Amino acid sequence: MRLRRLLIPFIFILSLLALAACNGSDTPYVETFDSEGSWRTGSDTYTEGSIHDGVYDLFIIGDDISRWATPGRDFKDGIYEVEATQVEGPLDNGFGLIFRADTDNGDFYLFKVSGDGYVWIGRYVGEVEDQSIIGGHWFESTAVNTGLNQTNKLRVVAESGNLIFFVNDKEVGRVTDNKFESGDVGLFAQSLGFGGVRVYFDNLSVTPLEK
């Protein structure tokens, strides 16, 4: 198994909402990206983010660049889900779901896969990869659908510090970690080496756990 790059030299935030409405943990949240809503879009030298045709289109133009986007909400326990499809670019990349995010400080849990079949589960602190909390690094998984135009469904069941991670309904890891207790949810994509990575995201949801 080849080693995957763990540190990204540049990390920029696609969008930050200064003040945003909180979403109570008792209320399901569903985003199908049929309209822009509270999600910010735009472009710069390194990335483009747009909503069209019922997807959030996150395009990483530059080399070794990470981007994330959030709606400015607040969640705690729940089932976090998103569908992600890489449609362009090199398969050596990362894309997935962030949750319990404090985007003002760049702190969040990150659950990402790559187009060539790897998984990374860990934390960002201060906009920088803190550590992988499962496996110590990227690990290969047959649960990941590889190649372009292949959709991967990522799901996290988060109850207090107990976190369970699924790719396409197959468990790929679980951990107990209490670093972050609540926060925003969002989308993440990065280029590892060469840019040109484009990922479509759809059907993002946060479902409260049954009491």
Foldseek 3Di string as FASTA:
>chain_A
DDAADAWFPDEDEQDDDPADEADDQQDKDKAQLPDCQQKDFQDDPAWGWDGDPRWIKTFGAFARYKYKIFSRYKYFFFKWKKKKFWAKDDQSWKKDKWFLDDVVQLWTWDWIATQAAKTFTAIDGSRIGPFGPPPGGIDGDPLDDHDGGDMWMWMWGDDQQWIWIDINNHTDDIDGDRPGGMDTMIIMIGHHGHGGIMMIMGTIMTGRDDD
